[in-house]
C-alpha atoms as a PDB file:
ATOM      1  CA  MET A   1       0.045   0.088  -0.011  1.00  0.00           C
ATOM      2  CA  GLN A   2       2.804   2.459   0.871  1.00  0.00           C
ATOM      3  CA  LEU A   3       4.545   1.733  -2.482  1.00  0.00           C
ATOM      4  CA  THR A   4       1.284   2.432  -4.308  1.00  0.00           C
ATOM      5  CA  ILE A   5       0.736   5.733  -2.553  1.00  0.00           C
ATOM      6  CA  LYS A   6       4.348   6.785  -3.147  1.00  0.00           C
ATOM      7  CA  ASN A   7       4.046   6.066  -6.934  1.00  0.00           C
ATOM      8  CA  ALA A   8       0.761   7.937  -7.018  1.00  0.00           C
ATOM      9  CA  ILE A   9       2.222  11.002  -5.304  1.00  0.00           C
ATOM     10  CA  SER A  10       5.276  10.920  -7.580  1.00  0.00           C
ATOM     11  CA  CYS A  11       3.028  10.713 -10.689  1.00  0.00           C
ATOM     12  CA  PHE A  12       0.908  13.591  -9.449  1.00  0.00           C
ATOM     13  CA  LEU A  13       3.840  15.878  -8.653  1.00  0.00           C
ATOM     14  CA  PHE A  14       5.505  15.120 -12.044  1.00  0.00           C
ATOM     15  CA  LEU A  15       2.287  15.991 -13.912  1.00  0.00           C
ATOM     16  CA  LEU A  16       1.658  19.052 -11.721  1.00  0.00           C
ATOM     17  CA  ILE A  17       5.166  20.496 -12.441  1.00  0.00           C
ATOM     18  CA  PHE A  18       5.037  19.537 -16.034  1.00  0.00           C
ATOM     19  CA  GLN A  19       1.615  21.043 -16.705  1.00  0.00           C
ATOM     20  CA  ALA A  20       2.345  24.139 -14.657  1.00  0.00           C
ATOM     21  CA  ASN A  21       5.037  24.872 -17.293  1.00  0.00           C
ATOM     22  CA  GLY A  22       2.500  24.612 -20.075  1.00  0.00           C
ATOM     23  CA  GLN A  23       4.170  21.363 -21.383  1.00  0.00           C
ATOM     24  CA  SER A  24       1.380  18.781 -21.634  1.00  0.00           C
ATOM     25  CA  ILE A  25      -0.633  17.116 -24.294  1.00  0.00           C
ATOM     26  CA  ALA A  26      -4.405  17.188 -24.595  1.00  0.00           C
ATOM     27  CA  THR A  27      -5.485  14.283 -22.467  1.00  0.00           C
ATOM     28  CA  LYS A  28      -9.104  13.997 -23.547  1.00  0.00           C
ATOM     29  CA  SER A  29      -8.359  13.792 -27.306  1.00  0.00           C
ATOM     30  CA  LEU A  30      -5.437  11.396 -26.710  1.00  0.00           C
ATOM     31  CA  ILE A  31      -7.748   8.895 -25.045  1.00  0.00           C
ATOM     32  CA  GLU A  32     -10.635   9.457 -27.513  1.00  0.00           C
ATOM     33  CA  ASN A  33      -8.285   8.966 -30.515  1.00  0.00           C
ATOM     34  CA  ILE A  34      -6.608   5.727 -29.282  1.00  0.00           C
ATOM     35  CA  LYS A  35     -10.094   4.352 -28.481  1.00  0.00           C
ATOM     36  CA  TYR A  36     -11.373   5.107 -32.005  1.00  0.00           C
ATOM     37  CA  LEU A  37      -8.237   3.889 -33.824  1.00  0.00           C
ATOM     38  CA  SER A  38      -8.292   0.533 -31.889  1.00  0.00           C
ATOM     39  CA  SER A  39     -12.101   0.051 -32.245  1.00  0.00           C
ATOM     40  CA  ASP A  40     -13.739  -2.983 -33.896  1.00  0.00           C
ATOM     41  CA  ALA A  41     -15.013  -0.681 -36.416  1.00  0.00           C
ATOM     42  CA  LEU A  42     -11.485  -0.300 -37.922  1.00  0.00           C
ATOM     43  CA  LYS A  43     -10.915  -4.168 -37.811  1.00  0.00           C
ATOM     44  CA  GLY A  44      -7.265  -3.972 -37.150  1.00  0.00           C
ATOM     45  CA  ARG A  45      -6.374  -1.374 -39.798  1.00  0.00           C
ATOM     46  CA  LYS A  46      -4.490  -3.835 -42.096  1.00  0.00           C
ATOM     47  CA  THR A  47      -2.761  -2.167 -45.028  1.00  0.00           C
ATOM     48  CA  GLY A  48      -4.888  -2.176 -48.164  1.00  0.00           C
ATOM     49  CA  SER A  49      -8.092  -2.658 -46.309  1.00  0.00           C
ATOM     50  CA  GLU A  50     -11.097  -0.318 -46.167  1.00  0.00           C
ATOM     51  CA  GLU A  51     -10.657   0.117 -42.542  1.00  0.00           C
ATOM     52  CA  ASN A  52      -6.994   1.080 -42.980  1.00  0.00           C
ATOM     53  CA  ALA A  53      -8.289   3.770 -45.357  1.00  0.00           C
ATOM     54  CA  LYS A  54     -10.690   4.985 -42.668  1.00  0.00           C
ATOM     55  CA  ALA A  55      -7.831   5.260 -40.155  1.00  0.00           C
ATOM     56  CA  ARG A  56      -5.888   7.192 -42.712  1.00  0.00           C
ATOM     57  CA  ALA A  57      -8.785   9.674 -43.393  1.00  0.00           C
ATOM     58  CA  PHE A  58      -9.202  10.183 -39.655  1.00  0.00           C
ATOM     59  CA  ILE A  59      -5.494  11.083 -39.215  1.00  0.00           C
ATOM     60  CA  LEU A  60      -5.572  13.265 -42.255  1.00  0.00           C
ATOM     61  CA  ASP A  61      -8.561  15.224 -40.894  1.00  0.00           C
ATOM     62  CA  GLN A  62      -6.721  15.590 -37.650  1.00  0.00           C
ATOM     63  CA  PHE A  63      -3.638  16.979 -39.278  1.00  0.00           C
ATOM     64  CA  LYS A  64      -5.868  19.420 -41.220  1.00  0.00           C
ATOM     65  CA  SER A  65      -7.711  20.563 -38.241  1.00  0.00           C
ATOM     66  CA  ILE A  66      -4.528  21.231 -36.298  1.00  0.00           C
ATOM     67  CA  GLY A  67      -3.261  23.322 -39.194  1.00  0.00           C
ATOM     68  CA  LEU A  68      -0.124  21.438 -40.199  1.00  0.00           C
ATOM     69  CA  LYS A  69       1.524  22.195 -43.473  1.00  0.00           C
ATOM     70  CA  THR A  70       2.673  19.443 -45.798  1.00  0.00           C
ATOM     71  CA  GLN A  71       4.961  18.646 -48.766  1.00  0.00           C
ATOM     72  CA  TYR A  72       2.708  15.958 -50.259  1.00  0.00           C
ATOM     73  CA  PRO A  73      -0.537  16.176 -52.154  1.00  0.00           C
ATOM     74  CA  ASP A  74      -3.324  16.427 -49.544  1.00  0.00           C
ATOM     75  CA  TYR A  75      -0.885  15.276 -46.862  1.00  0.00           C
ATOM     76  CA  GLN A  76      -0.614  11.779 -48.523  1.00  0.00           C
ATOM     77  CA  GLN A  77       2.457  10.020 -49.659  1.00  0.00           C
ATOM     78  CA  LYS A  78       1.278   7.101 -51.820  1.00  0.00           C
ATOM     79  CA  PHE A  79       3.531   4.095 -52.398  1.00  0.00           C
ATOM     80  CA  SER A  80       3.357   0.476 -53.501  1.00  0.00           C
ATOM     81  CA  PHE A  81       5.299  -2.550 -52.372  1.00  0.00           C
ATOM     82  CA  GLU A  82       5.278  -6.369 -52.842  1.00  0.00           C
ATOM     83  CA  SER A  83       4.702  -8.395 -49.787  1.00  0.00           C
ATOM     84  CA  ARG A  84       6.681 -11.641 -49.422  1.00  0.00           C
ATOM     85  CA  ARG A  85       4.277 -12.749 -46.622  1.00  0.00           C
ATOM     86  CA  ASP A  86       1.240 -13.007 -48.708  1.00  0.00           C
ATOM     87  CA  ASN A  87       2.730 -12.690 -52.235  1.00  0.00           C
ATOM     88  CA  LYS A  88       0.571  -9.688 -53.026  1.00  0.00           C
ATOM     89  CA  THR A  89       1.353  -6.319 -54.450  1.00  0.00           C
ATOM     90  CA  TYR A  90      -0.074  -3.335 -52.403  1.00  0.00           C
ATOM     91  CA  GLU A  91      -0.765  -0.359 -54.757  1.00  0.00           C
ATOM     92  CA  ASP A  92      -2.478   2.001 -52.348  1.00  0.00           C
ATOM     93  CA  ALA A  93      -0.370   2.105 -49.193  1.00  0.00           C
ATOM     94  CA  THR A  94      -0.257   5.673 -47.886  1.00  0.00           C
ATOM     95  CA  ASN A  95       1.731   7.634 -45.323  1.00  0.00           C
ATOM     96  CA  VAL A  96       0.138  10.749 -43.879  1.00  0.00           C
ATOM     97  CA  VAL A  97       2.694  13.518 -43.442  1.00  0.00           C
ATOM     98  CA  GLY A  98       2.512  16.927 -41.736  1.00  0.00           C
ATOM     99  CA  PHE A  99       5.053  19.701 -41.232  1.00  0.00           C
ATOM    100  CA  ILE A 100       5.784  22.629 -38.829  1.00  0.00           C
ATOM    101  CA  ALA A 101       8.614  24.963 -39.727  1.00  0.00           C
ATOM    102  CA  GLY A 102      11.052  25.638 -36.971  1.00  0.00           C
ATOM    103  CA  SER A 103      11.652  29.088 -35.432  1.00  0.00           C
ATOM    104  CA  GLU A 104      15.562  28.817 -35.440  1.00  0.00           C
ATOM    105  CA  SER A 105      16.633  26.038 -37.738  1.00  0.00           C
ATOM    106  CA  ARG A 106      15.868  24.318 -41.122  1.00  0.00           C
ATOM    107  CA  LYS A 107      17.260  21.064 -39.585  1.00  0.00           C
ATOM    108  CA  LEU A 108      14.611  18.593 -39.117  1.00  0.00           C
ATOM    109  CA  ILE A 109      13.267  16.267 -36.406  1.00  0.00           C
ATOM    110  CA  VAL A 110      11.058  13.501 -37.913  1.00  0.00           C
ATOM    111  CA  ILE A 111       8.509  12.057 -35.465  1.00  0.00           C
ATOM    112  CA  THR A 112       6.955   8.782 -36.656  1.00  0.00           C
ATOM    113  CA  ALA A 113       4.383   6.169 -35.662  1.00  0.00           C
ATOM    114  CA  HIS A 114       2.803   3.445 -37.761  1.00  0.00           C
ATOM    115  CA  TYR A 115      -0.989   3.379 -37.913  1.00  0.00           C
ATOM    116  CA  ASP A 116      -1.460   0.007 -39.556  1.00  0.00           C
ATOM    117  CA  HIS A 117      -1.931  -3.298 -37.756  1.00  0.00           C
ATOM    118  CA  VAL A 118      -2.500  -6.985 -38.746  1.00  0.00           C
ATOM    119  CA  GLY A 119      -6.306  -6.896 -39.340  1.00  0.00           C
ATOM    120  CA  VAL A 120      -8.525  -9.820 -38.863  1.00  0.00           C
ATOM    121  CA  GLY A 121      -7.057 -13.266 -38.151  1.00  0.00           C
ATOM    122  CA  ARG A 122      -7.380 -16.466 -36.152  1.00  0.00           C
ATOM    123  CA  PRO A 123      -9.943 -16.250 -33.378  1.00  0.00           C
ATOM    124  CA  ASP A 124      -8.750 -16.485 -29.769  1.00  0.00           C
ATOM    125  CA  ALA A 125     -10.430 -18.688 -27.063  1.00  0.00           C
ATOM    126  CA  SER A 126     -13.204 -16.179 -26.722  1.00  0.00           C
ATOM    127  CA  GLY A 127     -14.022 -16.101 -30.439  1.00  0.00           C
ATOM    128  CA  ASP A 128     -12.553 -12.605 -31.060  1.00  0.00           C
ATOM    129  CA  SER A 129     -10.799 -12.417 -34.436  1.00  0.00           C
ATOM    130  CA  ILE A 130     -10.186  -8.621 -34.725  1.00  0.00           C
ATOM    131  CA  TYR A 131      -6.537  -7.722 -33.868  1.00  0.00           C
ATOM    132  CA  ASN A 132      -7.301  -4.170 -32.632  1.00  0.00           C
ATOM    133  CA  GLY A 133      -3.634  -3.094 -32.066  1.00  0.00           C
ATOM    134  CA  ALA A 134      -4.487  -0.696 -29.339  1.00  0.00           C
ATOM    135  CA  ASP A 135      -0.849  -0.672 -27.987  1.00  0.00           C
ATOM    136  CA  ASP A 136       0.525  -1.627 -31.371  1.00  0.00           C
ATOM    137  CA  ASN A 137       0.192   1.044 -32.526  1.00  0.00           C
ATOM    138  CA  ALA A 138      -2.954   3.070 -32.067  1.00  0.00           C
ATOM    139  CA  SER A 139      -1.093   4.275 -28.988  1.00  0.00           C
ATOM    140  CA  GLY A 140       1.880   5.825 -30.994  1.00  0.00           C
ATOM    141  CA  THR A 141      -0.517   7.252 -33.682  1.00  0.00           C
ATOM    142  CA  ALA A 142      -2.809   8.974 -31.220  1.00  0.00           C
ATOM    143  CA  ALA A 143       0.379  10.317 -29.476  1.00  0.00           C
ATOM    144  CA  LEU A 144       1.660  11.588 -32.828  1.00  0.00           C
ATOM    145  CA  ILE A 145      -1.487  13.598 -33.306  1.00  0.00           C
ATOM    146  CA  GLU A 146      -1.193  15.178 -29.885  1.00  0.00           C
ATOM    147  CA  LEU A 147       2.413  16.070 -30.301  1.00  0.00           C
ATOM    148  CA  ALA A 148       1.583  17.738 -33.604  1.00  0.00           C
ATOM    149  CA  ARG A 149      -1.216  19.688 -31.780  1.00  0.00           C
ATOM    150  CA  TYR A 150       1.192  20.713 -29.066  1.00  0.00           C
ATOM    151  CA  PHE A 151       3.941  21.965 -31.328  1.00  0.00           C
ATOM    152  CA  LYS A 152       1.478  23.806 -33.632  1.00  0.00           C
ATOM    153  CA  LYS A 153       0.622  25.892 -30.547  1.00  0.00           C
ATOM    154  CA  ASN A 154       4.252  25.988 -29.214  1.00  0.00           C
ATOM    155  CA  ARG A 155       6.489  26.432 -32.241  1.00  0.00           C
ATOM    156  CA  PRO A 156       9.615  24.270 -32.055  1.00  0.00           C
ATOM    157  CA  GLN A 157      13.127  25.492 -32.693  1.00  0.00           C
ATOM    158  CA  HIS A 158      13.773  22.735 -35.327  1.00  0.00           C
ATOM    159  CA  SER A 159      11.393  22.076 -38.199  1.00  0.00           C
ATOM    160  CA  ILE A 160       9.287  18.938 -37.476  1.00  0.00           C
ATOM    161  CA  ILE A 161       7.828  16.360 -39.762  1.00  0.00           C
ATOM    162  CA  PHE A 162       4.983  14.267 -38.287  1.00  0.00           C
ATOM    163  CA  ALA A 163       4.526  11.012 -40.269  1.00  0.00           C
ATOM    164  CA  ALA A 164       1.798   8.461 -39.654  1.00  0.00           C
ATOM    165  CA  LEU A 165       3.287   5.441 -41.421  1.00  0.00           C
ATOM    166  CA  ASP A 166       1.550   2.608 -43.263  1.00  0.00           C
ATOM    167  CA  GLY A 167       2.892  -0.949 -43.851  1.00  0.00           C
ATOM    168  CA  GLU A 168       5.036  -1.266 -40.725  1.00  0.00           C
ATOM    169  CA  GLU A 169       3.690  -4.728 -40.046  1.00  0.00           C
ATOM    170  CA  MET A 170       4.744  -5.833 -43.581  1.00  0.00           C
ATOM    171  CA  GLY A 171       8.380  -4.894 -43.250  1.00  0.00           C
ATOM    172  CA  LEU A 172       8.660  -1.151 -42.349  1.00  0.00           C
ATOM    173  CA  GLN A 173       7.343  -0.390 -45.827  1.00  0.00           C
ATOM    174  CA  GLY A 174       6.014   3.166 -44.947  1.00  0.00           C
ATOM    175  CA  ALA A 175       9.302   4.201 -43.313  1.00  0.00           C
ATOM    176  CA  LYS A 176      11.246   2.850 -46.265  1.00  0.00           C
ATOM    177  CA  ALA A 177       9.035   4.831 -48.627  1.00  0.00           C
ATOM    178  CA  LEU A 178       9.391   7.992 -46.606  1.00  0.00           C
ATOM    179  CA  VAL A 179      13.205   7.691 -46.501  1.00  0.00           C
ATOM    180  CA  LYS A 180      13.368   6.998 -50.189  1.00  0.00           C
ATOM    181  CA  ASP A 181      11.000   9.862 -51.139  1.00  0.00           C
ATOM    182  CA  PHE A 182      11.786  12.320 -48.399  1.00  0.00           C
ATOM    183  CA  PRO A 183      10.904  15.990 -49.239  1.00  0.00           C
ATOM    184  CA  PHE A 184      14.272  17.327 -48.007  1.00  0.00           C
ATOM    185  CA  GLU A 185      17.863  16.158 -47.981  1.00  0.00           C
ATOM    186  CA  LEU A 186      18.307  13.376 -45.552  1.00  0.00           C
ATOM    187  CA  GLU A 187      21.335  15.283 -44.150  1.00  0.00           C
ATOM    188  CA  GLN A 188      18.896  17.843 -42.787  1.00  0.00           C
ATOM    189  CA  ILE A 189      17.510  15.364 -40.291  1.00  0.00           C
ATOM    190  CA  VAL A 190      19.087  15.565 -36.893  1.00  0.00           C
ATOM    191  CA  LEU A 191      16.763  12.953 -35.333  1.00  0.00           C
ATOM    192  CA  ASN A 192      14.021  10.449 -35.970  1.00  0.00           C
ATOM    193  CA  ILE A 193      11.736   9.909 -32.957  1.00  0.00           C
ATOM    194  CA  ASN A 194       9.646   6.791 -33.368  1.00  0.00           C
ATOM    195  CA  MET A 195       6.852   5.751 -31.082  1.00  0.00           C
ATOM    196  CA  ASP A 196       5.550   2.152 -31.149  1.00  0.00           C
ATOM    197  CA  MET A 197       3.683   0.510 -28.203  1.00  0.00           C
ATOM    198  CA  ILE A 198       3.638   3.100 -25.374  1.00  0.00           C
ATOM    199  CA  SER A 199       0.410   2.573 -23.604  1.00  0.00           C
ATOM    200  CA  ARG A 200       1.029  -0.084 -20.907  1.00  0.00           C
ATOM    201  CA  ASN A 201       3.788  -1.628 -18.733  1.00  0.00           C
ATOM    202  CA  GLU A 202       3.330  -3.414 -15.523  1.00  0.00           C
ATOM    203  CA  LYS A 203       6.731  -2.202 -14.266  1.00  0.00           C
ATOM    204  CA  GLY A 204       6.049   1.419 -15.022  1.00  0.00           C
ATOM    205  CA  GLU A 205       8.858   1.539 -17.537  1.00  0.00           C
ATOM    206  CA  LEU A 206       9.172   3.199 -20.873  1.00  0.00           C
ATOM    207  CA  TYR A 207      12.281   2.593 -23.003  1.00  0.00           C
ATOM    208  CA  ALA A 208      14.321   5.005 -25.143  1.00  0.00           C
ATOM    209  CA  SER A 209      16.201   2.732 -27.421  1.00  0.00           C
ATOM    210  CA  GLY A 210      19.073   4.001 -29.559  1.00  0.00           C
ATOM    211  CA  THR A 211      21.385   5.742 -27.221  1.00  0.00           C
ATOM    212  CA  TYR A 212      23.974   3.072 -27.622  1.00  0.00           C
ATOM    213  CA  TYR A 213      24.673   4.562 -31.001  1.00  0.00           C
ATOM    214  CA  TYR A 214      23.991   8.144 -30.012  1.00  0.00           C
ATOM    215  CA  PRO A 215      25.203   8.551 -26.491  1.00  0.00           C
ATOM    216  CA  THR A 216      24.742  12.415 -26.575  1.00  0.00           C
ATOM    217  CA  PHE A 217      21.018  11.789 -26.635  1.00  0.00           C
ATOM    218  CA  LYS A 218      21.159   9.858 -23.415  1.00  0.00           C
ATOM    219  CA  THR A 219      22.565  12.814 -21.515  1.00  0.00           C
ATOM    220  CA  ILE A 220      19.754  14.945 -22.754  1.00  0.00           C
ATOM    221  CA  LEU A 221      17.028  12.345 -22.050  1.00  0.00           C
ATOM    222  CA  GLU A 222      18.401  11.610 -18.597  1.00  0.00           C
ATOM    223  CA  GLY A 223      18.045  15.277 -17.681  1.00  0.00           C
ATOM    224  CA  ALA A 224      14.595  15.598 -19.196  1.00  0.00           C
ATOM    225  CA  SER A 225      13.254  12.480 -17.546  1.00  0.00           C
ATOM    226  CA  SER A 226      14.693  12.895 -14.006  1.00  0.00           C
ATOM    227  CA  GLY A 227      12.080  11.897 -11.424  1.00  0.00           C
ATOM    228  CA  SER A 228       9.573  10.837 -14.159  1.00  0.00           C
ATOM    229  CA  ASN A 229       6.826   8.363 -13.854  1.00  0.00           C
ATOM    230  CA  PRO A 230       6.991   6.202 -15.944  1.00  0.00           C
ATOM    231  CA  THR A 231      10.747   5.519 -15.491  1.00  0.00           C
ATOM    232  CA  LEU A 232      12.713   6.116 -18.658  1.00  0.00           C
ATOM    233  CA  MET A 233      14.836   3.186 -19.305  1.00  0.00           C
ATOM    234  CA  PHE A 234      17.689   2.801 -21.827  1.00  0.00           C
ATOM    235  CA  GLY A 235      18.883  -0.251 -23.678  1.00  0.00           C
ATOM    236  CA  HIS A 236      17.563  -2.891 -26.247  1.00  0.00           C
ATOM    237  CA  ASP A 237      20.056  -1.402 -28.745  1.00  0.00           C
ATOM    238  CA  GLU A 238      23.354  -3.111 -28.118  1.00  0.00           C
ATOM    239  CA  PRO A 239      24.485  -5.296 -31.140  1.00  0.00           C
ATOM    240  CA  ASN A 240      25.976  -8.777 -30.634  1.00  0.00           C
ATOM    241  CA  THR A 241      24.911  -9.131 -26.962  1.00  0.00           C
ATOM    242  CA  GLY A 242      22.364 -11.880 -27.395  1.00  0.00           C
ATOM    243  CA  ARG A 243      19.751  -9.600 -25.877  1.00  0.00           C
ATOM    244  CA  ASP A 244      16.576  -8.230 -27.441  1.00  0.00           C
ATOM    245  CA  ASN A 245      17.762  -5.640 -29.960  1.00  0.00           C
ATOM    246  CA  TRP A 246      15.095  -3.136 -31.074  1.00  0.00           C
ATOM    247  CA  THR A 247      17.278  -1.128 -33.507  1.00  0.00           C
ATOM    248  CA  LYS A 248      15.452  -2.457 -36.616  1.00  0.00           C
ATOM    249  CA  SER A 249      12.326  -3.749 -34.944  1.00  0.00           C
ATOM    250  CA  SER A 250      10.085  -0.781 -35.934  1.00  0.00           C
ATOM    251  CA  ASP A 251      10.159   2.093 -38.287  1.00  0.00           C
ATOM    252  CA  GLN A 252      13.342   3.637 -36.913  1.00  0.00           C
ATOM    253  CA  GLY A 253      15.136   0.725 -38.686  1.00  0.00           C
ATOM    254  CA  ALA A 254      14.683   2.401 -42.107  1.00  0.00           C
ATOM    255  CA  PHE A 255      16.207   5.680 -40.756  1.00  0.00           C
ATOM    256  CA  PHE A 256      18.993   3.765 -39.113  1.00  0.00           C
ATOM    257  CA  ASP A 257      19.884   2.028 -42.449  1.00  0.00           C
ATOM    258  CA  ALA A 258      19.971   5.489 -43.992  1.00  0.00           C
ATOM    259  CA  GLN A 259      22.434   6.619 -41.235  1.00  0.00           C
ATOM    260  CA  VAL A 260      19.779   8.954 -39.663  1.00  0.00           C
ATOM    261  CA  PRO A 261      20.056   9.103 -35.818  1.00  0.00           C
ATOM    262  CA  HIS A 262      17.043   7.812 -33.983  1.00  0.00           C
ATOM    263  CA  ILE A 263      15.432   7.422 -30.529  1.00  0.00           C
ATOM    264  CA  TYR A 264      12.682   4.732 -30.280  1.00  0.00           C
ATOM    265  CA  PHE A 265      10.205   5.044 -27.478  1.00  0.00           C
ATOM    266  CA  GLY A 266       8.382   1.821 -26.564  1.00  0.00           C
ATOM    267  CA  VAL A 267       7.649  -0.763 -23.904  1.00  0.00           C
ATOM    268  CA  GLU A 268       8.653  -4.321 -23.712  1.00  0.00           C
ATOM    269  CA  ASP A 269       6.319  -6.954 -25.193  1.00  0.00           C
ATOM    270  CA  HIS A 270       3.318  -7.987 -23.080  1.00  0.00           C
ATOM    271  CA  GLN A 271       0.974 -10.920 -23.055  1.00  0.00           C
ATOM    272  CA  ASP A 272      -1.455  -9.388 -25.575  1.00  0.00           C
ATOM    273  CA  TYR A 273       1.182  -8.461 -28.272  1.00  0.00           C
ATOM    274  CA  HIS A 274      -0.195  -9.395 -31.716  1.00  0.00           C
ATOM    275  CA  LYS A 275      -3.329 -10.940 -30.179  1.00  0.00           C
ATOM    276  CA  PRO A 276      -7.027  -9.888 -30.380  1.00  0.00           C
ATOM    277  CA  SER A 277      -6.729  -8.949 -26.631  1.00  0.00           C
ATOM    278  CA  ASP A 278      -4.477  -5.980 -27.551  1.00  0.00           C
ATOM    279  CA  SER A 279      -7.593  -3.854 -27.118  1.00  0.00           C
ATOM    280  CA  PHE A 280      -8.502  -0.433 -25.645  1.00  0.00           C
ATOM    281  CA  GLU A 281      -9.779  -2.026 -22.487  1.00  0.00           C
ATOM    282  CA  ASN A 282      -6.364  -3.479 -21.843  1.00  0.00           C
ATOM    283  CA  ILE A 283      -4.224  -0.316 -22.066  1.00  0.00           C
ATOM    284  CA  ASP A 284      -3.286   1.493 -18.833  1.00  0.00           C
ATOM    285  CA  GLU A 285      -4.793   4.972 -19.436  1.00  0.00           C
ATOM    286  CA  GLN A 286      -2.756   6.702 -16.694  1.00  0.00           C
ATOM    287  CA  PHE A 287       0.492   5.181 -17.707  1.00  0.00           C
ATOM    288  CA  TYR A 288      -0.235   6.117 -21.389  1.00  0.00           C
ATOM    289  CA  ILE A 289      -1.034   9.723 -20.528  1.00  0.00           C
ATOM    290  CA  ASN A 290       2.113   9.977 -18.301  1.00  0.00           C
ATOM    291  CA  ALA A 291       4.202   8.226 -21.120  1.00  0.00           C
ATOM    292  CA  VAL A 292       3.127  10.667 -23.796  1.00  0.00           C
ATOM    293  CA  ASN A 293       3.770  13.633 -21.600  1.00  0.00           C
ATOM    294  CA  LEU A 294       7.208  12.230 -20.838  1.00  0.00           C
ATOM    295  CA  ILE A 295       7.915  11.816 -24.652  1.00  0.00           C
ATOM    296  CA  LEU A 296       6.855  15.401 -25.123  1.00  0.00           C
ATOM    297  CA  LYS A 297       9.191  16.605 -22.338  1.00  0.00           C
ATOM    298  CA  CYS A 298      11.976  14.584 -23.979  1.00  0.00           C
ATOM    299  CA  THR A 299      11.280  15.950 -27.425  1.00  0.00           C
ATOM    300  CA  ILE A 300      11.237  19.554 -26.133  1.00  0.00           C
ATOM    301  CA  ALA A 301      14.593  18.985 -24.467  1.00  0.00           C
ATOM    302  CA  LEU A 302      16.000  17.402 -27.700  1.00  0.00           C
ATOM    303  CA  ASP A 303      14.651  20.210 -29.851  1.00  0.00           C
ATOM    304  CA  LYS A 304      16.396  22.794 -27.561  1.00  0.00           C
ATOM    305  CA  GLU A 305      19.768  20.917 -27.302  1.00  0.00           C
ATOM    306  CA  LEU A 306      20.355  19.421 -30.681  1.00  0.00           C
ATOM    307  CA  PRO A 307      22.426  21.279 -33.315  1.00  0.00           C
ATOM    308  CA  LYS A 308      20.531  23.976 -35.335  1.00  0.00           C
ATOM    309  CA  GLU A 309      23.080  24.568 -38.096  1.00  0.00           C
END
């Protein structure tokens, strides 16, 4: 009981200080958006499906209402790819891409989250066959929208691209397409921040993977996350250790291959990973709200500290 009270007080104080400084995301829309994106109505948002297109339209409307700019026709970067998993060609895969110009630098931070999931599949013991993908990755997508909303009201020093990516579950296809057809020189990117699975963790931990390769980021993140709840952890990025290496496990992998620095925010796998039970009812709403606010705080710190020339 004492540990629970201590954690609750720590969480409250962190949010109180954070929000007092005007640095917080819109909680209501964050929860509403993850709930919609992971609803049965969207049937798991599989690339190429009608429901994936509905999710895309929803994100597009959000970007428009926020007032983001874009370098792509109607915010949409269309691409096609061949899937080895089902021997199909997907002609209508689409990234949704918004942009905010920085106040002090033309250098870019690219914030990404994939909105696709695996669709409808084998039923579980309860007969549920919809793989809702609440944590994976409606959580990152809803967070992406709220980060865009925040930075539209609070102009960043670096320019920021916000990219909701398609086709991650089929081999990081959206990220590969964005890197291949990027609207600026890749050398202008100082950092890719990727979010994938950020809405639940029983140990109260959120990982920032990638600092093994970019140790300067770790110093900045340690300062920004001091005393935070959830606890910001580091790791899952060391090669040849035999441990779980996340460097290419999500969309940051395409940026890594293009020699673009990255930080990947995510949680360790849980019992509902890639199962129908990865539903809105099983996220931890308070953990999720706190995690997105922590990512925002880290992003603000990185924007302030990273090179601008």
